[in-house]
């Protein structure tokens, strides 16, 4: 009776005008090859963020699965990054100080 655990990328979705990448990871427990249970975890990646001085920092995707990195590098063009930076700055400036 062998119990194994397998973690796979279950779904990758690109959403919104700023091309956020949603990644669903499936954790599968199996006994002798038959699935016992499956659990899901989802995380969202944004192309970057603004710092206090409104300068830009790209998101570090080096720890992501190669499929996820390929999609991020394809979708996150400089135009998308510039648009998202402008959006974040505009939203920051709307906040009361």
PDB file of N, CA and C in Angstrom:
ATOM      1  N   UNK A   1       0.854  -1.170   0.000  1.00  0.00           N
ATOM      2  CA  UNK A   1       0.000   0.000   0.000  1.00  0.00           C
ATOM      3  C   UNK A   1       0.908   1.243   0.000  1.00  0.00           C
ATOM      4  N   UNK A   2       1.037   1.863  -1.176  1.00  0.00           N
ATOM      5  CA  UNK A   2       1.898   3.037  -1.311  1.00  0.00           C
ATOM      6  C   UNK A   2       1.043   4.284  -1.487  1.00  0.00           C
ATOM      7  N   UNK A   3       1.275   5.248  -0.617  1.00  0.00           N
ATOM      8  CA  UNK A   3       0.584   6.535  -0.732  1.00  0.00           C
ATOM      9  C   UNK A   3       1.572   7.532  -1.320  1.00  0.00           C
ATOM     10  N   UNK A   4       1.140   8.213  -2.370  1.00  0.00           N
ATOM     11  CA  UNK A   4       1.996   9.193  -3.035  1.00  0.00           C
ATOM     12  C   UNK A   4       1.290  10.535  -3.095  1.00  0.00           C
ATOM     13  N   UNK A   5       2.106  11.560  -3.210  1.00  0.00           N
ATOM     14  CA  UNK A   5       1.604  12.931  -3.330  1.00  0.00           C
ATOM     15  C   UNK A   5       2.156  13.508  -4.622  1.00  0.00           C
ATOM     16  N   UNK A   6       1.277  14.092  -5.417  1.00  0.00           N
ATOM     17  CA  UNK A   6       1.675  14.696  -6.687  1.00  0.00           C
ATOM     18  C   UNK A   6       1.169  16.131  -6.724  1.00  0.00           C
ATOM     19  N   UNK A   7       2.028  17.057  -7.109  1.00  0.00           N
ATOM     20  CA  UNK A   7       1.650  18.463  -7.240  1.00  0.00           C
ATOM     21  C   UNK A   7       1.813  18.846  -8.704  1.00  0.00           C
ATOM     22  N   UNK A   8       0.715  19.307  -9.314  1.00  0.00           N
ATOM     23  CA  UNK A   8       0.738  19.675 -10.729  1.00  0.00           C
ATOM     24  C   UNK A   8       0.111  21.049 -10.933  1.00  0.00           C
ATOM     25  N   UNK A   9       0.421  21.666 -12.055  1.00  0.00           N
ATOM     26  CA  UNK A   9      -0.266  22.896 -12.447  1.00  0.00           C
ATOM     27  C   UNK A   9      -1.594  22.471 -13.071  1.00  0.00           C
ATOM     28  N   UNK A  10      -2.687  22.816 -12.428  1.00  0.00           N
ATOM     29  CA  UNK A  10      -4.007  22.408 -12.907  1.00  0.00           C
ATOM     30  C   UNK A  10      -4.601  23.370 -13.906  1.00  0.00           C
ATOM     31  N   UNK A  11      -4.270  24.643 -13.776  1.00  0.00           N
ATOM     32  CA  UNK A  11      -4.844  25.646 -14.672  1.00  0.00           C
ATOM     33  C   UNK A  11      -3.999  26.904 -14.616  1.00  0.00           C
ATOM     34  N   UNK A  12      -3.861  27.538 -15.771  1.00  0.00           N
ATOM     35  CA  UNK A  12      -3.210  28.842 -15.875  1.00  0.00           C
ATOM     36  C   UNK A  12      -4.149  29.731 -16.675  1.00  0.00           C
ATOM     37  N   UNK A  13      -4.507  30.883 -16.107  1.00  0.00           N
ATOM     38  CA  UNK A  13      -5.414  31.807 -16.782  1.00  0.00           C
ATOM     39  C   UNK A  13      -4.802  33.198 -16.811  1.00  0.00           C
ATOM     40  N   UNK A  14      -5.014  33.903 -17.912  1.00  0.00           N
ATOM     41  CA  UNK A  14      -4.588  35.300 -18.033  1.00  0.00           C
ATOM     42  C   UNK A  14      -5.854  36.138 -18.023  1.00  0.00           C
ATOM     43  N   UNK A  15      -5.931  37.090 -17.084  1.00  0.00           N
ATOM     44  CA  UNK A  15      -7.165  37.854 -16.920  1.00  0.00           C
ATOM     45  C   UNK A  15      -6.903  39.349 -16.840  1.00  0.00           C
ATOM     46  N   UNK A  16      -7.865  40.118 -17.294  1.00  0.00           N
ATOM     47  CA  UNK A  16      -7.854  41.568 -17.132  1.00  0.00           C
ATOM     48  C   UNK A  16      -6.968  42.304 -18.123  1.00  0.00           C
ATOM     49  N   UNK A  17      -7.134  43.615 -18.139  1.00  0.00           N
ATOM     50  CA  UNK A  17      -6.389  44.433 -19.087  1.00  0.00           C
ATOM     51  C   UNK A  17      -4.882  44.473 -18.810  1.00  0.00           C
ATOM     52  N   UNK A  18      -4.495  44.158 -17.582  1.00  0.00           N
ATOM     53  CA  UNK A  18      -3.073  44.188 -17.223  1.00  0.00           C
ATOM     54  C   UNK A  18      -2.462  42.790 -17.192  1.00  0.00           C
ATOM     55  N   UNK A  19      -3.203  41.841 -17.722  1.00  0.00           N
ATOM     56  CA  UNK A  19      -2.705  40.467 -17.938  1.00  0.00           C
ATOM     57  C   UNK A  19      -2.180  39.794 -16.672  1.00  0.00           C
ATOM     58  N   UNK A  20      -2.980  39.859 -15.604  1.00  0.00           N
ATOM     59  CA  UNK A  20      -2.621  39.118 -14.397  1.00  0.00           C
ATOM     60  C   UNK A  20      -2.696  37.627 -14.726  1.00  0.00           C
ATOM     61  N   UNK A  21      -1.784  36.859 -14.170  1.00  0.00           N
ATOM     62  CA  UNK A  21      -1.720  35.427 -14.437  1.00  0.00           C
ATOM     63  C   UNK A  21      -2.150  34.692 -13.171  1.00  0.00           C
ATOM     64  N   UNK A  22      -3.248  33.922 -13.295  1.00  0.00           N
ATOM     65  CA  UNK A  22      -3.745  33.122 -12.183  1.00  0.00           C
ATOM     66  C   UNK A  22      -3.253  31.687 -12.371  1.00  0.00           C
ATOM     67  N   UNK A  23      -2.684  31.130 -11.315  1.00  0.00           N
ATOM     68  CA  UNK A  23      -2.133  29.780 -11.380  1.00  0.00           C
ATOM     69  C   UNK A  23      -2.848  28.924 -10.333  1.00  0.00           C
ATOM     70  N   UNK A  24      -3.431  27.817 -10.801  1.00  0.00           N
ATOM     71  CA  UNK A  24      -4.043  26.869  -9.860  1.00  0.00           C
ATOM     72  C   UNK A  24      -3.147  25.647  -9.777  1.00  0.00           C
ATOM     73  N   UNK A  25      -2.724  25.328  -8.559  1.00  0.00           N
ATOM     74  CA  UNK A  25      -1.905  24.157  -8.302  1.00  0.00           C
ATOM     75  C   UNK A  25      -2.779  23.085  -7.663  1.00  0.00           C
ATOM     76  N   UNK A  26      -2.721  21.878  -8.220  1.00  0.00           N
ATOM     77  CA  UNK A  26      -3.484  20.745  -7.690  1.00  0.00           C
ATOM     78  C   UNK A  26      -2.537  19.837  -6.913  1.00  0.00           C
ATOM     79  N   UNK A  27      -2.912  19.500  -5.687  1.00  0.00           N
ATOM     80  CA  UNK A  27      -2.165  18.534  -4.890  1.00  0.00           C
ATOM     81  C   UNK A  27      -3.013  17.272  -4.807  1.00  0.00           C
ATOM     82  N   UNK A  28      -2.478  16.187  -5.329  1.00  0.00           N
ATOM     83  CA  UNK A  28      -3.234  14.935  -5.453  1.00  0.00           C
ATOM     84  C   UNK A  28      -2.590  13.872  -4.570  1.00  0.00           C
ATOM     85  N   UNK A  29      -3.396  13.276  -3.708  1.00  0.00           N
ATOM     86  CA  UNK A  29      -2.942  12.143  -2.905  1.00  0.00           C
ATOM     87  C   UNK A  29      -3.488  10.868  -3.536  1.00  0.00           C
ATOM     88  N   UNK A  30      -2.602   9.886  -3.717  1.00  0.00           N
ATOM     89  CA  UNK A  30      -2.992   8.622  -4.346  1.00  0.00           C
ATOM     90  C   UNK A  30      -2.546   7.455  -3.476  1.00  0.00           C
ATOM     91  N   UNK A  31      -3.352   6.404  -3.531  1.00  0.00           N
ATOM     92  CA  UNK A  31      -2.985   5.146  -2.885  1.00  0.00           C
ATOM     93  C   UNK A  31      -2.966   4.074  -3.956  1.00  0.00           C
ATOM     94  N   UNK A  32      -1.822   3.491  -4.170  1.00  0.00           N
ATOM     95  CA  UNK A  32      -1.641   2.481  -5.220  1.00  0.00           C
ATOM     96  C   UNK A  32      -2.174   2.966  -6.563  1.00  0.00           C
ATOM     97  N   UNK A  33      -1.923   4.236  -6.881  1.00  0.00           N
ATOM     98  CA  UNK A  33      -2.325   4.802  -8.168  1.00  0.00           C
ATOM     99  C   UNK A  33      -3.740   5.334  -8.230  1.00  0.00           C
ATOM    100  N   UNK A  34      -4.565   5.033  -7.233  1.00  0.00           N
ATOM    101  CA  UNK A  34      -5.954   5.510  -7.221  1.00  0.00           C
ATOM    102  C   UNK A  34      -6.022   6.818  -6.423  1.00  0.00           C
ATOM    103  N   UNK A  35      -6.673   7.803  -7.002  1.00  0.00           N
ATOM    104  CA  UNK A  35      -6.766   9.112  -6.344  1.00  0.00           C
ATOM    105  C   UNK A  35      -7.639   9.041  -5.100  1.00  0.00           C
ATOM    106  N   UNK A  36      -7.077   9.517  -3.988  1.00  0.00           N
ATOM    107  CA  UNK A  36      -7.812   9.580  -2.724  1.00  0.00           C
ATOM    108  C   UNK A  36      -8.413  10.961  -2.495  1.00  0.00           C
ATOM    109  N   UNK A  37      -7.611  11.994  -2.803  1.00  0.00           N
ATOM    110  CA  UNK A  37      -8.094  13.356  -2.588  1.00  0.00           C
ATOM    111  C   UNK A  37      -7.329  14.313  -3.497  1.00  0.00           C
ATOM    112  N   UNK A  38      -7.934  15.478  -3.665  1.00  0.00           N
ATOM    113  CA  UNK A  38      -7.324  16.529  -4.475  1.00  0.00           C
ATOM    114  C   UNK A  38      -7.638  17.857  -3.788  1.00  0.00           C
ATOM    115  N   UNK A  39      -6.608  18.680  -3.623  1.00  0.00           N
ATOM    116  CA  UNK A  39      -6.769  20.003  -3.027  1.00  0.00           C
ATOM    117  C   UNK A  39      -6.218  21.031  -4.004  1.00  0.00           C
ATOM    118  N   UNK A  40      -6.782  22.231  -3.962  1.00  0.00           N
ATOM    119  CA  UNK A  40      -6.397  23.283  -4.893  1.00  0.00           C
ATOM    120  C   UNK A  40      -5.822  24.484  -4.142  1.00  0.00           C
ATOM    121  N   UNK A  41      -4.858  25.096  -4.778  1.00  0.00           N
ATOM    122  CA  UNK A  41      -4.316  26.361  -4.285  1.00  0.00           C
ATOM    123  C   UNK A  41      -4.193  27.286  -5.485  1.00  0.00           C
ATOM    124  N   UNK A  42      -4.582  28.532  -5.314  1.00  0.00           N
ATOM    125  CA  UNK A  42      -4.508  29.492  -6.412  1.00  0.00           C
ATOM    126  C   UNK A  42      -3.703  30.701  -5.955  1.00  0.00           C
ATOM    127  N   UNK A  43      -2.849  31.185  -6.860  1.00  0.00           N
ATOM    128  CA  UNK A  43      -2.160  32.447  -6.609  1.00  0.00           C
ATOM    129  C   UNK A  43      -2.151  33.263  -7.890  1.00  0.00           C
ATOM    130  N   UNK A  44      -2.051  34.564  -7.710  1.00  0.00           N
ATOM    131  CA  UNK A  44      -2.120  35.492  -8.834  1.00  0.00           C
ATOM    132  C   UNK A  44      -0.802  36.245  -8.940  1.00  0.00           C
ATOM    133  N   UNK A  45      -0.316  36.373 -10.163  1.00  0.00           N
ATOM    134  CA  UNK A  45       0.914  37.105 -10.436  1.00  0.00           C
ATOM    135  C   UNK A  45       0.590  38.369 -11.216  1.00  0.00           C
ATOM    136  N   UNK A  46       1.106  39.486 -10.750  1.00  0.00           N
ATOM    137  CA  UNK A  46       1.004  40.757 -11.462  1.00  0.00           C
ATOM    138  C   UNK A  46       2.361  41.022 -12.105  1.00  0.00           C
ATOM    139  N   UNK A  47       2.372  41.782 -13.188  1.00  0.00           N
ATOM    140  CA  UNK A  47       3.626  41.998 -13.922  1.00  0.00           C
ATOM    141  C   UNK A  47       4.659  42.785 -13.119  1.00  0.00           C
ATOM    142  N   UNK A  48       4.232  43.519 -12.127  1.00  0.00           N
ATOM    143  CA  UNK A  48       5.165  44.286 -11.312  1.00  0.00           C
ATOM    144  C   UNK A  48       4.429  45.117 -10.286  1.00  0.00           C
ATOM    145  N   UNK A  49       5.179  46.006  -9.647  1.00  0.00           N
ATOM    146  CA  UNK A  49       4.600  46.880  -8.638  1.00  0.00           C
ATOM    147  C   UNK A  49       5.363  48.201  -8.633  1.00  0.00           C
ATOM    148  N   UNK A  50       4.747  49.210  -8.054  1.00  0.00           N
ATOM    149  CA  UNK A  50       5.444  50.482  -7.911  1.00  0.00           C
ATOM    150  C   UNK A  50       6.016  50.578  -6.505  1.00  0.00           C
ATOM    151  N   UNK A  51       7.144  51.251  -6.412  1.00  0.00           N
ATOM    152  CA  UNK A  51       7.783  51.483  -5.125  1.00  0.00           C
ATOM    153  C   UNK A  51       7.294  52.817  -4.566  1.00  0.00           C
ATOM    154  N   UNK A  52       7.754  53.182  -3.399  1.00  0.00           N
ATOM    155  CA  UNK A  52       7.328  54.413  -2.741  1.00  0.00           C
ATOM    156  C   UNK A  52       7.513  55.639  -3.629  1.00  0.00           C
ATOM    157  N   UNK A  53       8.612  55.671  -4.375  1.00  0.00           N
ATOM    158  CA  UNK A  53       8.890  56.819  -5.241  1.00  0.00           C
ATOM    159  C   UNK A  53       8.238  56.684  -6.627  1.00  0.00           C
ATOM    160  N   UNK A  54       7.340  55.711  -6.763  1.00  0.00           N
ATOM    161  CA  UNK A  54       6.584  55.432  -7.985  1.00  0.00           C
ATOM    162  C   UNK A  54       7.440  54.832  -9.101  1.00  0.00           C
ATOM    163  N   UNK A  55       8.666  54.414  -8.775  1.00  0.00           N
ATOM    164  CA  UNK A  55       9.471  53.689  -9.757  1.00  0.00           C
ATOM    165  C   UNK A  55       8.940  52.256  -9.858  1.00  0.00           C
ATOM    166  N   UNK A  56       9.337  51.555 -10.877  1.00  0.00           N
ATOM    167  CA  UNK A  56       8.787  50.246 -11.211  1.00  0.00           C
ATOM    168  C   UNK A  56       9.719  49.113 -10.780  1.00  0.00           C
ATOM    169  N   UNK A  57       9.105  48.012 -10.315  1.00  0.00           N
ATOM    170  CA  UNK A  57       9.850  46.781 -10.033  1.00  0.00           C
ATOM    171  C   UNK A  57       9.099  45.621 -10.681  1.00  0.00           C
ATOM    172  N   UNK A  58       9.792  44.908 -11.592  1.00  0.00           N
ATOM    173  CA  UNK A  58       9.203  43.719 -12.208  1.00  0.00           C
ATOM    174  C   UNK A  58       9.000  42.630 -11.164  1.00  0.00           C
ATOM    175  N   UNK A  59       7.969  41.815 -11.355  1.00  0.00           N
ATOM    176  CA  UNK A  59       7.723  40.683 -10.479  1.00  0.00           C
ATOM    177  C   UNK A  59       8.757  39.592 -10.748  1.00  0.00           C
ATOM    178  N   UNK A  60       9.326  39.039  -9.681  1.00  0.00           N
ATOM    179  CA  UNK A  60      10.291  37.943  -9.793  1.00  0.00           C
ATOM    180  C   UNK A  60       9.515  36.642  -9.991  1.00  0.00           C
ATOM    181  N   UNK A  61       9.639  36.066 -11.170  1.00  0.00           N
ATOM    182  CA  UNK A  61       8.925  34.819 -11.467  1.00  0.00           C
ATOM    183  C   UNK A  61       9.887  33.638 -11.557  1.00  0.00           C
ATOM    184  N   UNK A  62      11.107  33.814 -11.083  1.00  0.00           N
ATOM    185  CA  UNK A  62      12.121  32.766 -11.210  1.00  0.00           C
ATOM    186  C   UNK A  62      11.741  31.471 -10.488  1.00  0.00           C
ATOM    187  N   UNK A  63      10.917  31.557  -9.463  1.00  0.00           N
ATOM    188  CA  UNK A  63      10.504  30.366  -8.724  1.00  0.00           C
ATOM    189  C   UNK A  63       9.268  29.680  -9.271  1.00  0.00           C
ATOM    190  N   UNK A  64       8.707  30.223 -10.334  1.00  0.00           N
ATOM    191  CA  UNK A  64       7.496  29.656 -10.919  1.00  0.00           C
ATOM    192  C   UNK A  64       7.830  28.512 -11.880  1.00  0.00           C
ATOM    193  N   UNK A  65       6.844  27.681 -12.144  1.00  0.00           N
ATOM    194  CA  UNK A  65       6.959  26.601 -13.119  1.00  0.00           C
ATOM    195  C   UNK A  65       7.317  27.179 -14.495  1.00  0.00           C
ATOM    196  N   UNK A  66       8.024  26.428 -15.305  1.00  0.00           N
ATOM    197  CA  UNK A  66       8.458  26.924 -16.614  1.00  0.00           C
ATOM    198  C   UNK A  66       7.283  27.316 -17.512  1.00  0.00           C
ATOM    199  N   UNK A  67       6.158  26.615 -17.405  1.00  0.00           N
ATOM    200  CA  UNK A  67       4.965  26.982 -18.187  1.00  0.00           C
ATOM    201  C   UNK A  67       4.477  28.373 -17.794  1.00  0.00           C
ATOM    202  N   UNK A  68       4.461  28.631 -16.498  1.00  0.00           N
ATOM    203  CA  UNK A  68       4.000  29.919 -15.982  1.00  0.00           C
ATOM    204  C   UNK A  68       4.962  31.025 -16.422  1.00  0.00           C
ATOM    205  N   UNK A  69       6.257  30.782 -16.314  1.00  0.00           N
ATOM    206  CA  UNK A  69       7.251  31.781 -16.739  1.00  0.00           C
ATOM    207  C   UNK A  69       7.103  32.116 -18.221  1.00  0.00           C
ATOM    208  N   UNK A  70       6.875  31.112 -19.046  1.00  0.00           N
ATOM    209  CA  UNK A  70       6.712  31.341 -20.488  1.00  0.00           C
ATOM    210  C   UNK A  70       5.503  32.223 -20.762  1.00  0.00           C
ATOM    211  N   UNK A  71       4.396  31.949 -20.099  1.00  0.00           N
ATOM    212  CA  UNK A  71       3.190  32.751 -20.300  1.00  0.00           C
ATOM    213  C   UNK A  71       3.405  34.177 -19.817  1.00  0.00           C
ATOM    214  N   UNK A  72       3.996  34.336 -18.637  1.00  0.00           N
ATOM    215  CA  UNK A  72       4.255  35.682 -18.103  1.00  0.00           C
ATOM    216  C   UNK A  72       5.154  36.472 -19.049  1.00  0.00           C
ATOM    217  N   UNK A  73       6.236  35.860 -19.498  1.00  0.00           N
ATOM    218  CA  UNK A  73       7.171  36.560 -20.375  1.00  0.00           C
ATOM    219  C   UNK A  73       6.547  36.915 -21.714  1.00  0.00           C
ATOM    220  N   UNK A  74       5.578  36.138 -22.162  1.00  0.00           N
ATOM    221  CA  UNK A  74       4.879  36.432 -23.412  1.00  0.00           C
ATOM    222  C   UNK A  74       3.852  37.549 -23.231  1.00  0.00           C
ATOM    223  N   UNK A  75       3.107  37.497 -22.153  1.00  0.00           N
ATOM    224  CA  UNK A  75       1.993  38.431 -21.949  1.00  0.00           C
ATOM    225  C   UNK A  75       2.443  39.788 -21.415  1.00  0.00           C
ATOM    226  N   UNK A  76       3.474  39.811 -20.603  1.00  0.00           N
ATOM    227  CA  UNK A  76       3.886  41.044 -19.935  1.00  0.00           C
ATOM    228  C   UNK A  76       4.840  41.844 -20.814  1.00  0.00           C
ATOM    229  N   UNK A  77       4.295  42.424 -21.856  1.00  0.00           N
ATOM    230  CA  UNK A  77       5.076  43.287 -22.739  1.00  0.00           C
ATOM    231  C   UNK A  77       5.387  44.597 -22.019  1.00  0.00           C
ATOM    232  N   UNK A  78       6.278  45.387 -22.593  1.00  0.00           N
ATOM    233  CA  UNK A  78       6.598  46.684 -21.993  1.00  0.00           C
ATOM    234  C   UNK A  78       5.364  47.580 -21.971  1.00  0.00           C
ATOM    235  N   UNK A  79       4.523  47.484 -22.996  1.00  0.00           N
ATOM    236  CA  UNK A  79       3.290  48.286 -23.038  1.00  0.00           C
ATOM    237  C   UNK A  79       2.357  47.915 -21.887  1.00  0.00           C
ATOM    238  N   UNK A  80       2.239  46.636 -21.570  1.00  0.00           N
ATOM    239  CA  UNK A  80       1.403  46.188 -20.449  1.00  0.00           C
ATOM    240  C   UNK A  80       1.986  46.699 -19.135  1.00  0.00           C
ATOM    241  N   UNK A  81       3.297  46.603 -18.974  1.00  0.00           N
ATOM    242  CA  UNK A  81       3.944  47.082 -17.745  1.00  0.00           C
ATOM    243  C   UNK A  81       3.756  48.584 -17.578  1.00  0.00           C
ATOM    244  N   UNK A  82       3.919  49.338 -18.659  1.00  0.00           N
ATOM    245  CA  UNK A  82       3.740  50.798 -18.598  1.00  0.00           C
ATOM    246  C   UNK A  82       2.304  51.151 -18.235  1.00  0.00           C
ATOM    247  N   UNK A  83       1.358  50.443 -18.826  1.00  0.00           N
ATOM    248  CA  UNK A  83      -0.059  50.689 -18.548  1.00  0.00           C
ATOM    249  C   UNK A  83      -0.389  50.382 -17.086  1.00  0.00           C
ATOM    250  N   UNK A  84       0.132  49.269 -16.583  1.00  0.00           N
ATOM    251  CA  UNK A  84      -0.144  48.895 -15.198  1.00  0.00           C
ATOM    252  C   UNK A  84       0.518  49.867 -14.220  1.00  0.00           C
ATOM    253  N   UNK A  85       1.709  50.311 -14.544  1.00  0.00           N
ATOM    254  CA  UNK A  85       2.389  51.302 -13.693  1.00  0.00           C
ATOM    255  C   UNK A  85       1.564  52.588 -13.627  1.00  0.00           C
ATOM    256  N   UNK A  86       1.096  53.060 -14.762  1.00  0.00           N
ATOM    257  CA  UNK A  86       0.273  54.279 -14.784  1.00  0.00           C
ATOM    258  C   UNK A  86      -1.002  54.076 -13.967  1.00  0.00           C
ATOM    259  N   UNK A  87      -1.608  52.903 -14.086  1.00  0.00           N
ATOM    260  CA  UNK A  87      -2.824  52.586 -13.327  1.00  0.00           C
ATOM    261  C   UNK A  87      -2.544  52.611 -11.817  1.00  0.00           C
ATOM    262  N   UNK A  88      -1.455  51.960 -11.397  1.00  0.00           N
ATOM    263  CA  UNK A  88      -1.135  51.921  -9.969  1.00  0.00           C
ATOM    264  C   UNK A  88      -0.831  53.309  -9.416  1.00  0.00           C
ATOM    265  N   UNK A  89      -0.139  54.127 -10.183  1.00  0.00           N
ATOM    266  CA  UNK A  89       0.158  55.486  -9.739  1.00  0.00           C
ATOM    267  C   UNK A  89      -1.133  56.301  -9.605  1.00  0.00           C
ATOM    268  N   UNK A  90      -2.021  56.159 -10.584  1.00  0.00           N
ATOM    269  CA  UNK A  90      -3.314  56.875 -10.528  1.00  0.00           C
ATOM    270  C   UNK A  90      -4.121  56.435  -9.317  1.00  0.00           C
ATOM    271  N   UNK A  91      -4.149  55.134  -9.036  1.00  0.00           N
ATOM    272  CA  UNK A  91      -4.880  54.625  -7.887  1.00  0.00           C
ATOM    273  C   UNK A  91      -4.253  55.097  -6.563  1.00  0.00           C
ATOM    274  N   UNK A  92      -2.939  55.126  -6.518  1.00  0.00           N
ATOM    275  CA  UNK A  92      -2.245  55.609  -5.320  1.00  0.00           C
ATOM    276  C   UNK A  92      -2.578  57.059  -5.043  1.00  0.00           C
ATOM    277  N   UNK A  93      -2.637  57.866  -6.104  1.00  0.00           N
ATOM    278  CA  UNK A  93      -2.905  59.292  -5.941  1.00  0.00           C
ATOM    279  C   UNK A  93      -4.363  59.589  -5.570  1.00  0.00           C
ATOM    280  N   UNK A  94      -5.247  58.606  -5.713  1.00  0.00           N
ATOM    281  CA  UNK A  94      -6.650  58.772  -5.308  1.00  0.00           C
ATOM    282  C   UNK A  94      -6.822  58.591  -3.805  1.00  0.00           C
ATOM    283  N   UNK A  95      -5.867  57.896  -3.177  1.00  0.00           N
ATOM    284  CA  UNK A  95      -5.989  57.597  -1.752  1.00  0.00           C
ATOM    285  C   UNK A  95      -5.790  58.863  -0.910  1.00  0.00           C
ATOM    286  N   UNK A  96      -6.570  58.994   0.165  1.00  0.00           N
ATOM    287  CA  UNK A  96      -6.359  60.140   1.050  1.00  0.00           C
ATOM    288  C   UNK A  96      -5.018  60.004   1.762  1.00  0.00           C
ATOM    289  N   UNK A  97      -4.370  61.119   1.975  1.00  0.00           N
ATOM    290  CA  UNK A  97      -3.060  61.081   2.638  1.00  0.00           C
ATOM    291  C   UNK A  97      -3.149  61.421   4.105  1.00  0.00           C
TER     292      UNK A  97
END
